[in-house]
Amino acid sequence: MVSSPRPLALPYPPREHWFGLSSLRTNMRVARDTVRGRLRAWQLPGEVCADAVLLVSELATNAVVHSGSSRVLCGLSLTSGTRLRIEVHDEGQMAVCPPGAQAGPEDEGGRGLLIVQQLADSWGAARSTRTGGKAVWAVLRFDL
């Protein structure tokens, strides 16, 4: 009797978590705490958790500050075992492509997307099918 091969087991089963926030700067702590708690519950490596917390903080702050939305929607998706996708959706009508302005040495802000670019393996923006505004996403890949 020939047995059929077993499917390869993924180190982590596919998982997804979504949460919404009102567009207040004070809710960035809620976003960071929610992401940290969820990724710890999923038992992801500490450096992945730290990077994901920083990414969601930057993306959600941009959505709150620049979109004019009353709410933002944040999502985490763990797929392919070692790939974490972070999404932040807003209700704004701004252009889908994030502006490429660079912060000067004396500016207090304006470095968020540079941080995203440096941390993420890939990132981008598209029109959101969930909110009608913009969705900005970042992907972290990690080894076990």
N, C-alpha and C. Protein backbone atom coordinates (compact mmCIF):
# COMPACT_ATOMS: atom_id res chain seq x y z
N MET A 1 0.85 -1.18 0.00
CA MET A 1 0.00 0.00 0.00
C MET A 1 0.88 1.23 0.00
N VAL A 2 0.63 2.13 -0.90
CA VAL A 2 1.38 3.37 -0.99
C VAL A 2 0.59 4.47 -0.30
N SER A 3 1.26 5.13 0.63
CA SER A 3 0.56 6.22 1.32
C SER A 3 0.87 7.53 0.64
N SER A 4 -0.09 8.42 0.66
CA SER A 4 0.13 9.73 0.06
C SER A 4 0.96 10.57 1.01
N PRO A 5 1.79 11.45 0.45
CA PRO A 5 2.64 12.27 1.32
C PRO A 5 1.81 13.21 2.17
N ARG A 6 2.29 13.44 3.37
CA ARG A 6 1.63 14.39 4.27
C ARG A 6 2.00 15.81 3.86
N PRO A 7 1.06 16.72 4.01
CA PRO A 7 1.41 18.12 3.73
C PRO A 7 2.45 18.59 4.75
N LEU A 8 3.30 19.48 4.29
CA LEU A 8 4.31 20.03 5.19
C LEU A 8 3.64 20.86 6.27
N ALA A 9 4.07 20.65 7.48
CA ALA A 9 3.51 21.43 8.59
C ALA A 9 4.19 22.79 8.63
N LEU A 10 3.39 23.83 8.74
CA LEU A 10 3.94 25.17 8.89
C LEU A 10 4.34 25.38 10.34
N PRO A 11 5.40 26.16 10.58
CA PRO A 11 5.80 26.40 11.96
C PRO A 11 4.74 27.16 12.74
N TYR A 12 3.95 27.99 12.05
CA TYR A 12 2.84 28.72 12.66
C TYR A 12 1.64 28.55 11.74
N PRO A 13 0.46 28.24 12.29
CA PRO A 13 -0.72 28.19 11.41
C PRO A 13 -1.08 29.60 10.95
N PRO A 14 -1.70 29.72 9.77
CA PRO A 14 -2.11 31.05 9.33
C PRO A 14 -3.05 31.68 10.36
N ARG A 15 -2.81 32.95 10.65
CA ARG A 15 -3.60 33.66 11.66
C ARG A 15 -3.87 35.08 11.18
N GLU A 16 -4.94 35.66 11.71
CA GLU A 16 -5.30 37.02 11.33
C GLU A 16 -5.98 37.69 12.52
N HIS A 17 -5.71 38.98 12.70
CA HIS A 17 -6.35 39.75 13.78
C HIS A 17 -6.55 41.17 13.29
N TRP A 18 -7.77 41.69 13.48
CA TRP A 18 -8.11 43.06 13.08
C TRP A 18 -8.65 43.82 14.28
N PHE A 19 -8.33 45.10 14.35
CA PHE A 19 -8.88 45.96 15.40
C PHE A 19 -8.99 47.38 14.87
N GLY A 20 -10.00 48.10 15.35
CA GLY A 20 -10.23 49.47 14.93
C GLY A 20 -9.94 50.44 16.07
N LEU A 21 -9.60 51.64 15.69
CA LEU A 21 -9.29 52.69 16.66
C LEU A 21 -9.89 54.01 16.18
N SER A 22 -10.34 54.82 17.11
CA SER A 22 -10.72 56.17 16.71
C SER A 22 -9.43 56.94 16.43
N SER A 23 -9.52 57.92 15.56
CA SER A 23 -8.33 58.65 15.09
C SER A 23 -7.88 59.69 16.11
N LEU A 24 -7.31 59.20 17.18
CA LEU A 24 -6.72 60.06 18.21
C LEU A 24 -5.28 59.64 18.41
N ARG A 25 -4.39 60.61 18.53
CA ARG A 25 -2.98 60.27 18.75
C ARG A 25 -2.79 59.44 20.01
N THR A 26 -3.64 59.65 21.00
CA THR A 26 -3.51 58.89 22.25
C THR A 26 -3.79 57.40 22.04
N ASN A 27 -4.43 57.03 20.95
CA ASN A 27 -4.70 55.62 20.67
C ASN A 27 -3.52 54.88 20.07
N MET A 28 -2.42 55.57 19.81
CA MET A 28 -1.25 54.88 19.28
C MET A 28 -0.70 53.90 20.32
N ARG A 29 -0.84 54.25 21.59
CA ARG A 29 -0.42 53.32 22.63
C ARG A 29 -1.29 52.06 22.60
N VAL A 30 -2.59 52.24 22.39
CA VAL A 30 -3.50 51.10 22.29
C VAL A 30 -3.08 50.22 21.11
N ALA A 31 -2.75 50.83 19.97
CA ALA A 31 -2.31 50.07 18.80
C ALA A 31 -1.05 49.27 19.12
N ARG A 32 -0.06 49.93 19.73
CA ARG A 32 1.19 49.23 20.07
C ARG A 32 0.93 48.09 21.05
N ASP A 33 0.15 48.35 22.08
CA ASP A 33 -0.13 47.32 23.08
C ASP A 33 -0.91 46.15 22.48
N THR A 34 -1.85 46.44 21.60
CA THR A 34 -2.64 45.38 20.95
C THR A 34 -1.75 44.50 20.10
N VAL A 35 -0.90 45.10 19.29
CA VAL A 35 0.00 44.33 18.43
C VAL A 35 0.97 43.50 19.29
N ARG A 36 1.56 44.12 20.28
CA ARG A 36 2.50 43.42 21.16
C ARG A 36 1.83 42.20 21.81
N GLY A 37 0.64 42.41 22.34
CA GLY A 37 -0.08 41.32 23.00
C GLY A 37 -0.44 40.18 22.05
N ARG A 38 -0.93 40.54 20.87
CA ARG A 38 -1.33 39.52 19.91
C ARG A 38 -0.13 38.70 19.43
N LEU A 39 0.97 39.38 19.11
CA LEU A 39 2.14 38.65 18.59
C LEU A 39 2.81 37.81 19.67
N ARG A 40 2.76 38.27 20.92
CA ARG A 40 3.25 37.43 22.02
C ARG A 40 2.38 36.19 22.17
N ALA A 41 1.06 36.36 22.05
CA ALA A 41 0.14 35.23 22.13
C ALA A 41 0.41 34.23 21.01
N TRP A 42 0.80 34.75 19.84
CA TRP A 42 1.16 33.88 18.73
C TRP A 42 2.57 33.33 18.86
N GLN A 43 3.28 33.74 19.90
CA GLN A 43 4.63 33.27 20.23
C GLN A 43 5.63 33.55 19.11
N LEU A 44 5.55 34.76 18.55
CA LEU A 44 6.53 35.16 17.54
C LEU A 44 7.81 35.63 18.24
N PRO A 45 8.94 35.55 17.55
CA PRO A 45 10.21 36.00 18.15
C PRO A 45 10.15 37.46 18.59
N GLY A 46 10.88 37.77 19.65
CA GLY A 46 10.87 39.11 20.24
C GLY A 46 11.23 40.22 19.28
N GLU A 47 12.23 39.99 18.40
CA GLU A 47 12.62 41.05 17.46
C GLU A 47 11.53 41.31 16.43
N VAL A 48 10.77 40.29 16.06
CA VAL A 48 9.65 40.47 15.14
C VAL A 48 8.56 41.31 15.82
N CYS A 49 8.29 41.00 17.08
CA CYS A 49 7.30 41.77 17.84
C CYS A 49 7.71 43.24 17.94
N ALA A 50 8.97 43.48 18.26
CA ALA A 50 9.46 44.86 18.41
C ALA A 50 9.34 45.62 17.09
N ASP A 51 9.75 45.00 15.99
CA ASP A 51 9.66 45.65 14.69
C ASP A 51 8.20 45.90 14.29
N ALA A 52 7.34 44.92 14.54
CA ALA A 52 5.93 45.06 14.18
C ALA A 52 5.26 46.18 14.99
N VAL A 53 5.60 46.29 16.26
CA VAL A 53 5.05 47.36 17.10
C VAL A 53 5.46 48.72 16.55
N LEU A 54 6.71 48.86 16.17
CA LEU A 54 7.17 50.13 15.61
C LEU A 54 6.49 50.42 14.27
N LEU A 55 6.35 49.40 13.43
CA LEU A 55 5.70 49.60 12.13
C LEU A 55 4.25 50.03 12.28
N VAL A 56 3.49 49.34 13.12
CA VAL A 56 2.08 49.72 13.27
C VAL A 56 1.97 51.11 13.88
N SER A 57 2.88 51.46 14.77
CA SER A 57 2.86 52.79 15.35
C SER A 57 3.08 53.86 14.29
N GLU A 58 4.05 53.67 13.42
CA GLU A 58 4.33 54.64 12.36
C GLU A 58 3.19 54.72 11.36
N LEU A 59 2.69 53.58 10.91
CA LEU A 59 1.62 53.57 9.91
C LEU A 59 0.32 54.15 10.46
N ALA A 60 -0.03 53.77 11.69
CA ALA A 60 -1.26 54.28 12.29
C ALA A 60 -1.15 55.78 12.59
N THR A 61 0.02 56.23 13.05
CA THR A 61 0.21 57.66 13.30
C THR A 61 0.04 58.45 12.02
N ASN A 62 0.61 57.98 10.93
CA ASN A 62 0.44 58.66 9.65
C ASN A 62 -1.04 58.73 9.26
N ALA A 63 -1.76 57.64 9.45
CA ALA A 63 -3.18 57.62 9.10
C ALA A 63 -3.97 58.62 9.96
N VAL A 64 -3.67 58.68 11.24
CA VAL A 64 -4.38 59.58 12.15
C VAL A 64 -4.06 61.04 11.82
N VAL A 65 -2.78 61.33 11.60
CA VAL A 65 -2.35 62.71 11.41
C VAL A 65 -2.71 63.26 10.03
N HIS A 66 -2.61 62.42 9.00
CA HIS A 66 -2.71 62.93 7.63
C HIS A 66 -3.98 62.60 6.85
N SER A 67 -4.80 61.66 7.33
CA SER A 67 -5.92 61.20 6.49
C SER A 67 -7.23 61.94 6.71
N GLY A 68 -7.41 62.56 7.86
CA GLY A 68 -8.69 63.18 8.16
C GLY A 68 -9.76 62.17 8.51
N SER A 69 -9.38 60.94 8.77
CA SER A 69 -10.33 59.88 9.10
C SER A 69 -10.81 60.01 10.54
N SER A 70 -12.00 59.50 10.79
CA SER A 70 -12.46 59.42 12.17
C SER A 70 -12.03 58.12 12.83
N ARG A 71 -11.74 57.11 12.01
CA ARG A 71 -11.30 55.80 12.52
C ARG A 71 -10.23 55.23 11.60
N VAL A 72 -9.40 54.36 12.16
CA VAL A 72 -8.45 53.58 11.38
C VAL A 72 -8.66 52.11 11.74
N LEU A 73 -8.36 51.25 10.79
CA LEU A 73 -8.48 49.81 10.96
C LEU A 73 -7.10 49.21 10.80
N CYS A 74 -6.67 48.43 11.78
CA CYS A 74 -5.34 47.81 11.76
C CYS A 74 -5.49 46.31 11.66
N GLY A 75 -4.63 45.68 10.86
CA GLY A 75 -4.69 44.24 10.68
C GLY A 75 -3.33 43.59 10.74
N LEU A 76 -3.31 42.39 11.29
CA LEU A 76 -2.11 41.56 11.34
C LEU A 76 -2.45 40.23 10.69
N SER A 77 -1.60 39.76 9.79
CA SER A 77 -1.81 38.47 9.14
C SER A 77 -0.51 37.70 9.16
N LEU A 78 -0.55 36.53 9.74
CA LEU A 78 0.62 35.64 9.77
C LEU A 78 0.35 34.54 8.77
N THR A 79 1.13 34.53 7.70
CA THR A 79 0.94 33.55 6.63
C THR A 79 2.29 32.94 6.28
N SER A 80 2.25 31.86 5.58
CA SER A 80 3.46 31.17 5.12
C SER A 80 4.42 30.84 6.25
N GLY A 81 3.92 30.84 7.47
CA GLY A 81 4.75 30.46 8.60
C GLY A 81 5.70 31.52 9.10
N THR A 82 6.38 32.20 8.21
CA THR A 82 7.38 33.18 8.64
C THR A 82 7.21 34.52 7.92
N ARG A 83 5.98 34.91 7.71
CA ARG A 83 5.67 36.17 7.03
C ARG A 83 4.54 36.86 7.78
N LEU A 84 4.81 38.06 8.28
CA LEU A 84 3.81 38.85 8.99
C LEU A 84 3.49 40.08 8.17
N ARG A 85 2.22 40.26 7.86
CA ARG A 85 1.76 41.44 7.11
C ARG A 85 0.99 42.34 8.07
N ILE A 86 1.36 43.61 8.08
CA ILE A 86 0.73 44.62 8.91
C ILE A 86 0.02 45.59 7.97
N GLU A 87 -1.25 45.88 8.24
CA GLU A 87 -2.01 46.81 7.41
C GLU A 87 -2.66 47.86 8.28
N VAL A 88 -2.72 49.09 7.76
CA VAL A 88 -3.47 50.16 8.40
C VAL A 88 -4.33 50.80 7.31
N HIS A 89 -5.65 50.78 7.54
CA HIS A 89 -6.62 51.33 6.59
C HIS A 89 -7.22 52.59 7.19
N ASP A 90 -7.33 53.63 6.38
CA ASP A 90 -7.99 54.86 6.83
C ASP A 90 -9.19 55.15 5.94
N GLU A 91 -9.90 56.21 6.25
CA GLU A 91 -11.09 56.60 5.48
C GLU A 91 -10.81 57.81 4.59
N GLY A 92 -9.57 58.25 4.57
CA GLY A 92 -9.23 59.48 3.87
C GLY A 92 -9.28 59.36 2.36
N GLN A 93 -9.32 60.50 1.73
CA GLN A 93 -9.38 60.55 0.27
C GLN A 93 -8.06 61.03 -0.34
N MET A 94 -6.98 60.97 0.43
CA MET A 94 -5.67 61.38 -0.09
C MET A 94 -5.21 60.41 -1.16
N ALA A 95 -4.22 60.83 -1.91
CA ALA A 95 -3.63 59.97 -2.95
C ALA A 95 -3.15 58.67 -2.33
N VAL A 96 -3.23 57.60 -3.11
CA VAL A 96 -2.83 56.29 -2.62
C VAL A 96 -1.33 56.23 -2.36
N CYS A 97 -0.54 56.83 -3.21
CA CYS A 97 0.91 56.81 -3.00
C CYS A 97 1.29 57.79 -1.90
N PRO A 98 1.98 57.29 -0.85
CA PRO A 98 2.41 58.21 0.20
C PRO A 98 3.37 59.25 -0.35
N PRO A 99 3.30 60.49 0.13
CA PRO A 99 4.20 61.53 -0.36
C PRO A 99 5.65 61.19 -0.03
N GLY A 100 6.56 61.66 -0.85
CA GLY A 100 7.97 61.35 -0.67
C GLY A 100 8.77 62.45 0.00
N ALA A 101 8.10 63.30 0.77
CA ALA A 101 8.81 64.40 1.43
C ALA A 101 9.81 63.86 2.44
N GLN A 102 10.95 64.52 2.55
CA GLN A 102 11.97 64.11 3.49
C GLN A 102 12.08 65.16 4.60
N ALA A 103 12.27 64.67 5.80
CA ALA A 103 12.40 65.56 6.95
C ALA A 103 13.78 66.19 6.98
N GLY A 104 13.82 67.45 7.40
CA GLY A 104 15.09 68.13 7.59
C GLY A 104 15.68 67.79 8.95
N PRO A 105 16.93 68.16 9.20
CA PRO A 105 17.58 67.80 10.46
C PRO A 105 16.92 68.41 11.69
N GLU A 106 16.21 69.52 11.54
CA GLU A 106 15.56 70.17 12.68
C GLU A 106 14.09 69.78 12.84
N ASP A 107 13.55 69.04 11.88
CA ASP A 107 12.14 68.65 11.94
C ASP A 107 11.91 67.60 13.02
N GLU A 108 10.79 67.76 13.74
CA GLU A 108 10.45 66.80 14.79
C GLU A 108 9.80 65.54 14.23
N GLY A 109 9.20 65.62 13.08
CA GLY A 109 8.52 64.48 12.47
C GLY A 109 8.98 64.29 11.05
N GLY A 110 8.27 63.41 10.34
CA GLY A 110 8.54 63.23 8.92
C GLY A 110 9.47 62.08 8.59
N ARG A 111 9.78 61.23 9.56
CA ARG A 111 10.69 60.11 9.31
C ARG A 111 9.99 58.76 9.35
N GLY A 112 8.68 58.77 9.54
CA GLY A 112 7.93 57.53 9.71
C GLY A 112 8.06 56.56 8.55
N LEU A 113 7.87 57.05 7.32
CA LEU A 113 7.95 56.15 6.18
C LEU A 113 9.38 55.70 5.90
N LEU A 114 10.35 56.51 6.29
CA LEU A 114 11.75 56.07 6.18
C LEU A 114 12.00 54.90 7.14
N ILE A 115 11.44 54.98 8.33
CA ILE A 115 11.55 53.87 9.28
C ILE A 115 10.87 52.63 8.72
N VAL A 116 9.68 52.80 8.16
CA VAL A 116 8.96 51.67 7.55
C VAL A 116 9.80 51.05 6.45
N GLN A 117 10.36 51.88 5.59
CA GLN A 117 11.19 51.40 4.48
C GLN A 117 12.40 50.61 4.99
N GLN A 118 13.00 51.06 6.08
CA GLN A 118 14.19 50.40 6.61
C GLN A 118 13.86 49.08 7.32
N LEU A 119 12.72 49.00 8.01
CA LEU A 119 12.38 47.81 8.78
C LEU A 119 11.71 46.71 7.96
N ALA A 120 10.83 47.11 7.06
CA ALA A 120 10.01 46.14 6.35
C ALA A 120 10.77 45.51 5.19
N ASP A 121 10.44 44.26 4.92
CA ASP A 121 10.99 43.59 3.74
C ASP A 121 10.33 44.11 2.48
N SER A 122 9.08 44.51 2.60
CA SER A 122 8.37 45.18 1.51
C SER A 122 7.24 45.99 2.14
N TRP A 123 6.79 47.01 1.41
CA TRP A 123 5.67 47.83 1.88
C TRP A 123 5.08 48.57 0.71
N GLY A 124 3.88 49.08 0.90
CA GLY A 124 3.24 49.81 -0.17
C GLY A 124 1.89 50.36 0.28
N ALA A 125 1.17 50.91 -0.67
CA ALA A 125 -0.14 51.50 -0.40
C ALA A 125 -1.08 51.18 -1.55
N ALA A 126 -2.35 51.09 -1.22
CA ALA A 126 -3.38 50.81 -2.22
C ALA A 126 -4.70 51.38 -1.73
N ARG A 127 -5.68 51.46 -2.59
CA ARG A 127 -7.02 51.87 -2.18
C ARG A 127 -7.58 50.75 -1.31
N SER A 128 -8.17 51.10 -0.18
CA SER A 128 -8.71 50.11 0.76
C SER A 128 -10.07 49.62 0.31
N THR A 129 -10.22 48.31 0.26
CA THR A 129 -11.53 47.73 -0.03
C THR A 129 -12.35 47.60 1.25
N ARG A 130 -11.73 47.84 2.39
CA ARG A 130 -12.42 47.73 3.69
C ARG A 130 -13.01 49.06 4.14
N THR A 131 -12.34 50.18 3.84
CA THR A 131 -12.78 51.48 4.34
C THR A 131 -13.07 52.49 3.24
N GLY A 132 -12.65 52.20 2.03
CA GLY A 132 -12.81 53.15 0.93
C GLY A 132 -11.71 54.20 0.88
N GLY A 133 -10.88 54.25 1.90
CA GLY A 133 -9.75 55.19 1.93
C GLY A 133 -8.49 54.53 1.40
N LYS A 134 -7.44 54.70 2.15
CA LYS A 134 -6.13 54.17 1.74
C LYS A 134 -5.72 53.06 2.71
N ALA A 135 -5.05 52.06 2.18
CA ALA A 135 -4.45 51.00 3.00
C ALA A 135 -2.94 51.05 2.78
N VAL A 136 -2.20 51.15 3.86
CA VAL A 136 -0.74 51.08 3.80
C VAL A 136 -0.34 49.80 4.51
N TRP A 137 0.54 49.03 3.89
CA TRP A 137 0.92 47.73 4.43
C TRP A 137 2.43 47.58 4.48
N ALA A 138 2.87 46.70 5.35
CA ALA A 138 4.29 46.36 5.46
C ALA A 138 4.39 44.88 5.77
N VAL A 139 5.42 44.25 5.25
CA VAL A 139 5.64 42.81 5.48
C VAL A 139 6.98 42.61 6.16
N LEU A 140 6.95 41.80 7.21
CA LEU A 140 8.17 41.37 7.89
C LEU A 140 8.32 39.86 7.64
N ARG A 141 9.49 39.49 7.18
CA ARG A 141 9.82 38.07 7.04
C ARG A 141 10.85 37.75 8.12
N PHE A 142 10.73 36.55 8.68
CA PHE A 142 11.65 36.18 9.75
C PHE A 142 11.98 34.71 9.68
N ASP A 143 13.10 34.35 10.28
CA ASP A 143 13.54 32.97 10.37
C ASP A 143 13.23 32.43 11.75
N LEU A 144 13.04 31.15 11.80
CA LEU A 144 12.81 30.51 13.09
C LEU A 144 14.09 29.94 13.63
